[in-house]
Amino acid sequence: STPSLNDATMRVARIDIAAIALLAVAAV
């Protein structure tokens, strides 16, 4: 929801997307 974040911050976001997907599988 924040425009113009740098590439490093967006890399962290992409890692968190993968991690939250794994966490969702663990939750199931």
PDB file of all heavy atoms in Angstrom:
ATOM      1  N   SER A   1       0.824  -1.210   0.000  1.00  0.00           N
ATOM      2  CA  SER A   1       0.000   0.000   0.000  1.00  0.00           C
ATOM      3  C   SER A   1       0.861   1.265   0.000  1.00  0.00           C
ATOM      4  O   SER A   1       0.339   2.370   0.078  1.00  0.00           O
ATOM      5  CB  SER A   1      -0.941   0.001   1.214  1.00  0.00           C
ATOM      6  OG  SER A   1      -0.198   0.088   2.419  1.00  0.00           O
ATOM      7  N   THR A   2       2.172   1.080  -0.107  1.00  0.00           N
ATOM      8  CA  THR A   2       3.104   2.209  -0.128  1.00  0.00           C
ATOM      9  C   THR A   2       3.784   2.253  -1.491  1.00  0.00           C
ATOM     10  O   THR A   2       4.493   1.323  -1.860  1.00  0.00           O
ATOM     11  CB  THR A   2       4.170   2.053   0.979  1.00  0.00           C
ATOM     12  OG1 THR A   2       3.504   1.909   2.236  1.00  0.00           O
ATOM     13  CG2 THR A   2       5.096   3.254   1.015  1.00  0.00           C
ATOM     14  N   PRO A   3       3.585   3.342  -2.230  1.00  0.00           N
ATOM     15  CA  PRO A   3       4.215   3.430  -3.557  1.00  0.00           C
ATOM     16  C   PRO A   3       5.709   3.710  -3.469  1.00  0.00           C
ATOM     17  O   PRO A   3       6.205   4.225  -2.466  1.00  0.00           O
ATOM     18  CB  PRO A   3       3.483   4.605  -4.212  1.00  0.00           C
ATOM     19  CG  PRO A   3       2.946   5.419  -3.087  1.00  0.00           C
ATOM     20  CD  PRO A   3       2.726   4.484  -1.931  1.00  0.00           C
ATOM     21  N   SER A   4       6.401   3.326  -4.503  1.00  0.00           N
ATOM     22  CA  SER A   4       7.816   3.691  -4.720  1.00  0.00           C
ATOM     23  C   SER A   4       8.790   3.106  -3.701  1.00  0.00           C
ATOM     24  O   SER A   4       9.775   3.763  -3.354  1.00  0.00           O
ATOM     25  CB  SER A   4       7.975   5.209  -4.767  1.00  0.00           C
ATOM     26  OG  SER A   4       7.124   5.764  -5.739  1.00  0.00           O
ATOM     27  N   LEU A   5       8.541   1.906  -3.234  1.00  0.00           N
ATOM     28  CA  LEU A   5       9.521   1.270  -2.358  1.00  0.00           C
ATOM     29  C   LEU A   5      10.705   0.785  -3.193  1.00  0.00           C
ATOM     30  O   LEU A   5      10.553   0.455  -4.364  1.00  0.00           O
ATOM     31  CB  LEU A   5       8.891   0.097  -1.604  1.00  0.00           C
ATOM     32  CG  LEU A   5       7.803   0.473  -0.602  1.00  0.00           C
ATOM     33  CD1 LEU A   5       7.208  -0.777   0.025  1.00  0.00           C
ATOM     34  CD2 LEU A   5       8.339   1.403   0.472  1.00  0.00           C
ATOM     35  N   ASN A   6      11.871   0.711  -2.559  1.00  0.00           N
ATOM     36  CA  ASN A   6      13.058   0.294  -3.307  1.00  0.00           C
ATOM     37  C   ASN A   6      13.054  -1.212  -3.575  1.00  0.00           C
ATOM     38  O   ASN A   6      12.235  -1.964  -3.027  1.00  0.00           O
ATOM     39  CB  ASN A   6      14.343   0.763  -2.604  1.00  0.00           C
ATOM     40  CG  ASN A   6      14.615   0.028  -1.302  1.00  0.00           C
ATOM     41  OD1 ASN A   6      14.279  -1.135  -1.147  1.00  0.00           O
ATOM     42  ND2 ASN A   6      15.241   0.708  -0.363  1.00  0.00           N
ATOM     43  N   ASP A   7      13.964  -1.640  -4.430  1.00  0.00           N
ATOM     44  CA  ASP A   7      14.028  -3.057  -4.834  1.00  0.00           C
ATOM     45  C   ASP A   7      14.302  -3.976  -3.656  1.00  0.00           C
ATOM     46  O   ASP A   7      13.762  -5.083  -3.590  1.00  0.00           O
ATOM     47  CB  ASP A   7      15.102  -3.249  -5.905  1.00  0.00           C
ATOM     48  CG  ASP A   7      14.707  -2.634  -7.236  1.00  0.00           C
ATOM     49  OD1 ASP A   7      13.500  -2.414  -7.456  1.00  0.00           O
ATOM     50  OD2 ASP A   7      15.610  -2.366  -8.053  1.00  0.00           O
ATOM     51  N   ALA A   8      15.142  -3.550  -2.721  1.00  0.00           N
ATOM     52  CA  ALA A   8      15.471  -4.396  -1.572  1.00  0.00           C
ATOM     53  C   ALA A   8      14.241  -4.630  -0.699  1.00  0.00           C
ATOM     54  O   ALA A   8      14.001  -5.753  -0.242  1.00  0.00           O
ATOM     55  CB  ALA A   8      16.601  -3.768  -0.757  1.00  0.00           C
ATOM     56  N   THR A   9      13.444  -3.603  -0.476  1.00  0.00           N
ATOM     57  CA  THR A   9      12.235  -3.761   0.330  1.00  0.00           C
ATOM     58  C   THR A   9      11.230  -4.658  -0.386  1.00  0.00           C
ATOM     59  O   THR A   9      10.588  -5.513   0.239  1.00  0.00           O
ATOM     60  CB  THR A   9      11.609  -2.394   0.644  1.00  0.00           C
ATOM     61  OG1 THR A   9      12.583  -1.598   1.329  1.00  0.00           O
ATOM     62  CG2 THR A   9      10.375  -2.532   1.507  1.00  0.00           C
ATOM     63  N   MET A  10      11.111  -4.509  -1.693  1.00  0.00           N
ATOM     64  CA  MET A  10      10.198  -5.372  -2.441  1.00  0.00           C
ATOM     65  C   MET A  10      10.705  -6.818  -2.477  1.00  0.00           C
ATOM     66  O   MET A  10       9.897  -7.747  -2.519  1.00  0.00           O
ATOM     67  CB  MET A  10       9.973  -4.812  -3.849  1.00  0.00           C
ATOM     68  CG  MET A  10       9.225  -3.472  -3.847  1.00  0.00           C
ATOM     69  SD  MET A  10       7.750  -3.422  -2.788  1.00  0.00           S
ATOM     70  CE  MET A  10       6.703  -4.603  -3.606  1.00  0.00           C
ATOM     71  N   ARG A  11      12.013  -7.010  -2.437  1.00  0.00           N
ATOM     72  CA  ARG A  11      12.562  -8.365  -2.335  1.00  0.00           C
ATOM     73  C   ARG A  11      12.131  -8.986  -1.005  1.00  0.00           C
ATOM     74  O   ARG A  11      11.711 -10.147  -0.944  1.00  0.00           O
ATOM     75  CB  ARG A  11      14.089  -8.336  -2.447  1.00  0.00           C
ATOM     76  CG  ARG A  11      14.734  -9.701  -2.248  1.00  0.00           C
ATOM     77  CD  ARG A  11      16.257  -9.640  -2.407  1.00  0.00           C
ATOM     78  NE  ARG A  11      16.888  -8.461  -1.870  1.00  0.00           N
ATOM     79  CZ  ARG A  11      17.345  -8.343  -0.611  1.00  0.00           C
ATOM     80  NH1 ARG A  11      17.238  -9.338   0.227  1.00  0.00           N
ATOM     81  NH2 ARG A  11      17.913  -7.223  -0.211  1.00  0.00           N
ATOM     82  N   VAL A  12      12.197  -8.204   0.069  1.00  0.00           N
ATOM     83  CA  VAL A  12      11.740  -8.682   1.377  1.00  0.00           C
ATOM     84  C   VAL A  12      10.257  -9.043   1.301  1.00  0.00           C
ATOM     85  O   VAL A  12       9.835 -10.077   1.826  1.00  0.00           O
ATOM     86  CB  VAL A  12      12.007  -7.625   2.477  1.00  0.00           C
ATOM     87  CG1 VAL A  12      11.363  -8.030   3.793  1.00  0.00           C
ATOM     88  CG2 VAL A  12      13.506  -7.401   2.657  1.00  0.00           C
ATOM     89  N   ALA A  13       9.473  -8.221   0.628  1.00  0.00           N
ATOM     90  CA  ALA A  13       8.033  -8.502   0.492  1.00  0.00           C
ATOM     91  C   ALA A  13       7.798  -9.809  -0.270  1.00  0.00           C
ATOM     92  O   ALA A  13       6.944 -10.614   0.121  1.00  0.00           O
ATOM     93  CB  ALA A  13       7.333  -7.333  -0.210  1.00  0.00           C
ATOM     94  N   ARG A  14       8.550 -10.033  -1.334  1.00  0.00           N
ATOM     95  CA  ARG A  14       8.386 -11.281  -2.099  1.00  0.00           C
ATOM     96  C   ARG A  14       8.771 -12.496  -1.254  1.00  0.00           C
ATOM     97  O   ARG A  14       8.115 -13.545  -1.328  1.00  0.00           O
ATOM     98  CB  ARG A  14       9.197 -11.223  -3.391  1.00  0.00           C
ATOM     99  CG  ARG A  14       8.582 -10.294  -4.437  1.00  0.00           C
ATOM    100  CD  ARG A  14       9.267 -10.409  -5.790  1.00  0.00           C
ATOM    101  NE  ARG A  14      10.687 -10.069  -5.754  1.00  0.00           N
ATOM    102  CZ  ARG A  14      11.179  -8.835  -5.827  1.00  0.00           C
ATOM    103  NH1 ARG A  14      10.355  -7.810  -5.941  1.00  0.00           N
ATOM    104  NH2 ARG A  14      12.476  -8.632  -5.803  1.00  0.00           N
ATOM    105  N   ILE A  15       9.812 -12.369  -0.455  1.00  0.00           N
ATOM    106  CA  ILE A  15      10.204 -13.460   0.449  1.00  0.00           C
ATOM    107  C   ILE A  15       9.081 -13.718   1.450  1.00  0.00           C
ATOM    108  O   ILE A  15       8.737 -14.872   1.735  1.00  0.00           O
ATOM    109  CB  ILE A  15      11.538 -13.139   1.156  1.00  0.00           C
ATOM    110  CG1 ILE A  15      12.687 -13.163   0.139  1.00  0.00           C
ATOM    111  CG2 ILE A  15      11.800 -14.110   2.304  1.00  0.00           C
ATOM    112  CD1 ILE A  15      13.989 -12.578   0.657  1.00  0.00           C
ATOM    113  N   ASP A  16       8.482 -12.646   1.972  1.00  0.00           N
ATOM    114  CA  ASP A  16       7.386 -12.814   2.924  1.00  0.00           C
ATOM    115  C   ASP A  16       6.155 -13.450   2.275  1.00  0.00           C
ATOM    116  O   ASP A  16       5.427 -14.188   2.929  1.00  0.00           O
ATOM    117  CB  ASP A  16       7.025 -11.480   3.566  1.00  0.00           C
ATOM    118  CG  ASP A  16       7.875 -11.175   4.793  1.00  0.00           C
ATOM    119  OD1 ASP A  16       8.853 -11.902   5.040  1.00  0.00           O
ATOM    120  OD2 ASP A  16       7.551 -10.207   5.503  1.00  0.00           O
ATOM    121  N   ILE A  17       5.909 -13.165   1.012  1.00  0.00           N
ATOM    122  CA  ILE A  17       4.793 -13.816   0.311  1.00  0.00           C
ATOM    123  C   ILE A  17       5.016 -15.327   0.294  1.00  0.00           C
ATOM    124  O   ILE A  17       4.103 -16.111   0.596  1.00  0.00           O
ATOM    125  CB  ILE A  17       4.624 -13.262  -1.114  1.00  0.00           C
ATOM    126  CG1 ILE A  17       4.068 -11.845  -1.070  1.00  0.00           C
ATOM    127  CG2 ILE A  17       3.708 -14.171  -1.947  1.00  0.00           C
ATOM    128  CD1 ILE A  17       4.086 -11.128  -2.404  1.00  0.00           C
ATOM    129  N   ALA A  18       6.226 -15.738  -0.058  1.00  0.00           N
ATOM    130  CA  ALA A  18       6.537 -17.168  -0.071  1.00  0.00           C
ATOM    131  C   ALA A  18       6.423 -17.762   1.330  1.00  0.00           C
ATOM    132  O   ALA A  18       5.852 -18.845   1.523  1.00  0.00           O
ATOM    133  CB  ALA A  18       7.936 -17.394  -0.650  1.00  0.00           C
ATOM    134  N   ALA A  19       6.944 -17.045   2.320  1.00  0.00           N
ATOM    135  CA  ALA A  19       6.920 -17.551   3.696  1.00  0.00           C
ATOM    136  C   ALA A  19       5.492 -17.651   4.228  1.00  0.00           C
ATOM    137  O   ALA A  19       5.144 -18.620   4.908  1.00  0.00           O
ATOM    138  CB  ALA A  19       7.771 -16.669   4.599  1.00  0.00           C
ATOM    139  N   ILE A  20       4.661 -16.671   3.908  1.00  0.00           N
ATOM    140  CA  ILE A  20       3.280 -16.714   4.401  1.00  0.00           C
ATOM    141  C   ILE A  20       2.496 -17.827   3.697  1.00  0.00           C
ATOM    142  O   ILE A  20       1.602 -18.430   4.292  1.00  0.00           O
ATOM    143  CB  ILE A  20       2.592 -15.334   4.313  1.00  0.00           C
ATOM    144  CG1 ILE A  20       1.545 -15.206   5.418  1.00  0.00           C
ATOM    145  CG2 ILE A  20       1.999 -15.077   2.958  1.00  0.00           C
ATOM    146  CD1 ILE A  20       1.060 -13.803   5.670  1.00  0.00           C
ATOM    147  N   ALA A  21       2.857 -18.129   2.468  1.00  0.00           N
ATOM    148  CA  ALA A  21       2.221 -19.261   1.779  1.00  0.00           C
ATOM    149  C   ALA A  21       2.598 -20.574   2.478  1.00  0.00           C
ATOM    150  O   ALA A  21       1.743 -21.442   2.688  1.00  0.00           O
ATOM    151  CB  ALA A  21       2.637 -19.290   0.313  1.00  0.00           C
ATOM    152  N   LEU A  22       3.875 -20.709   2.837  1.00  0.00           N
ATOM    153  CA  LEU A  22       4.305 -21.907   3.573  1.00  0.00           C
ATOM    154  C   LEU A  22       3.620 -21.974   4.937  1.00  0.00           C
ATOM    155  O   LEU A  22       3.213 -23.057   5.393  1.00  0.00           O
ATOM    156  CB  LEU A  22       5.821 -21.911   3.746  1.00  0.00           C
ATOM    157  CG  LEU A  22       6.644 -22.015   2.464  1.00  0.00           C
ATOM    158  CD1 LEU A  22       8.133 -21.919   2.779  1.00  0.00           C
ATOM    159  CD2 LEU A  22       6.327 -23.300   1.723  1.00  0.00           C
ATOM    160  N   LEU A  23       3.479 -20.820   5.573  1.00  0.00           N
ATOM    161  CA  LEU A  23       2.807 -20.773   6.870  1.00  0.00           C
ATOM    162  C   LEU A  23       1.334 -21.168   6.732  1.00  0.00           C
ATOM    163  O   LEU A  23       0.786 -21.841   7.609  1.00  0.00           O
ATOM    164  CB  LEU A  23       2.938 -19.366   7.467  1.00  0.00           C
ATOM    165  CG  LEU A  23       2.646 -19.232   8.950  1.00  0.00           C
ATOM    166  CD1 LEU A  23       3.632 -20.032   9.788  1.00  0.00           C
ATOM    167  CD2 LEU A  23       2.689 -17.767   9.353  1.00  0.00           C
ATOM    168  N   ALA A  24       0.718 -20.790   5.632  1.00  0.00           N
ATOM    169  CA  ALA A  24      -0.675 -21.181   5.382  1.00  0.00           C
ATOM    170  C   ALA A  24      -0.804 -22.694   5.238  1.00  0.00           C
ATOM    171  O   ALA A  24      -1.756 -23.297   5.757  1.00  0.00           O
ATOM    172  CB  ALA A  24      -1.210 -20.464   4.146  1.00  0.00           C
ATOM    173  N   VAL A  25       0.146 -23.312   4.551  1.00  0.00           N
ATOM    174  CA  VAL A  25       0.136 -24.775   4.434  1.00  0.00           C
ATOM    175  C   VAL A  25       0.292 -25.400   5.819  1.00  0.00           C
ATOM    176  O   VAL A  25      -0.426 -26.352   6.170  1.00  0.00           O
ATOM    177  CB  VAL A  25       1.246 -25.264   3.474  1.00  0.00           C
ATOM    178  CG1 VAL A  25       1.357 -26.778   3.488  1.00  0.00           C
ATOM    179  CG2 VAL A  25       0.996 -24.752   2.059  1.00  0.00           C
ATOM    180  N   ALA A  26       1.210 -24.864   6.615  1.00  0.00           N
ATOM    181  CA  ALA A  26       1.391 -25.370   7.978  1.00  0.00           C
ATOM    182  C   ALA A  26       0.100 -25.208   8.788  1.00  0.00           C
ATOM    183  O   ALA A  26      -0.277 -26.106   9.544  1.00  0.00           O
ATOM    184  CB  ALA A  26       2.549 -24.645   8.665  1.00  0.00           C
ATOM    185  N   ALA A  27      -0.584 -24.073   8.610  1.00  0.00           N
ATOM    186  CA  ALA A  27      -1.835 -23.840   9.341  1.00  0.00           C
ATOM    187  C   ALA A  27      -2.892 -24.883   8.975  1.00  0.00           C
ATOM    188  O   ALA A  27      -3.594 -25.383   9.857  1.00  0.00           O
ATOM    189  CB  ALA A  27      -2.345 -22.425   9.040  1.00  0.00           C
ATOM    190  N   VAL A  28      -2.982 -25.197   7.696  1.00  0.00           N
ATOM    191  CA  VAL A  28      -3.947 -26.229   7.265  1.00  0.00           C
ATOM    192  C   VAL A  28      -3.600 -27.571   7.898  1.00  0.00           C
ATOM    193  O   VAL A  28      -4.479 -28.285   8.397  1.00  0.00           O
ATOM    194  CB  VAL A  28      -3.996 -26.311   5.724  1.00  0.00           C
ATOM    195  CG1 VAL A  28      -4.754 -27.541   5.270  1.00  0.00           C
ATOM    196  CG2 VAL A  28      -4.602 -25.051   5.137  1.00  0.00           C
TER     197      VAL A  28
END
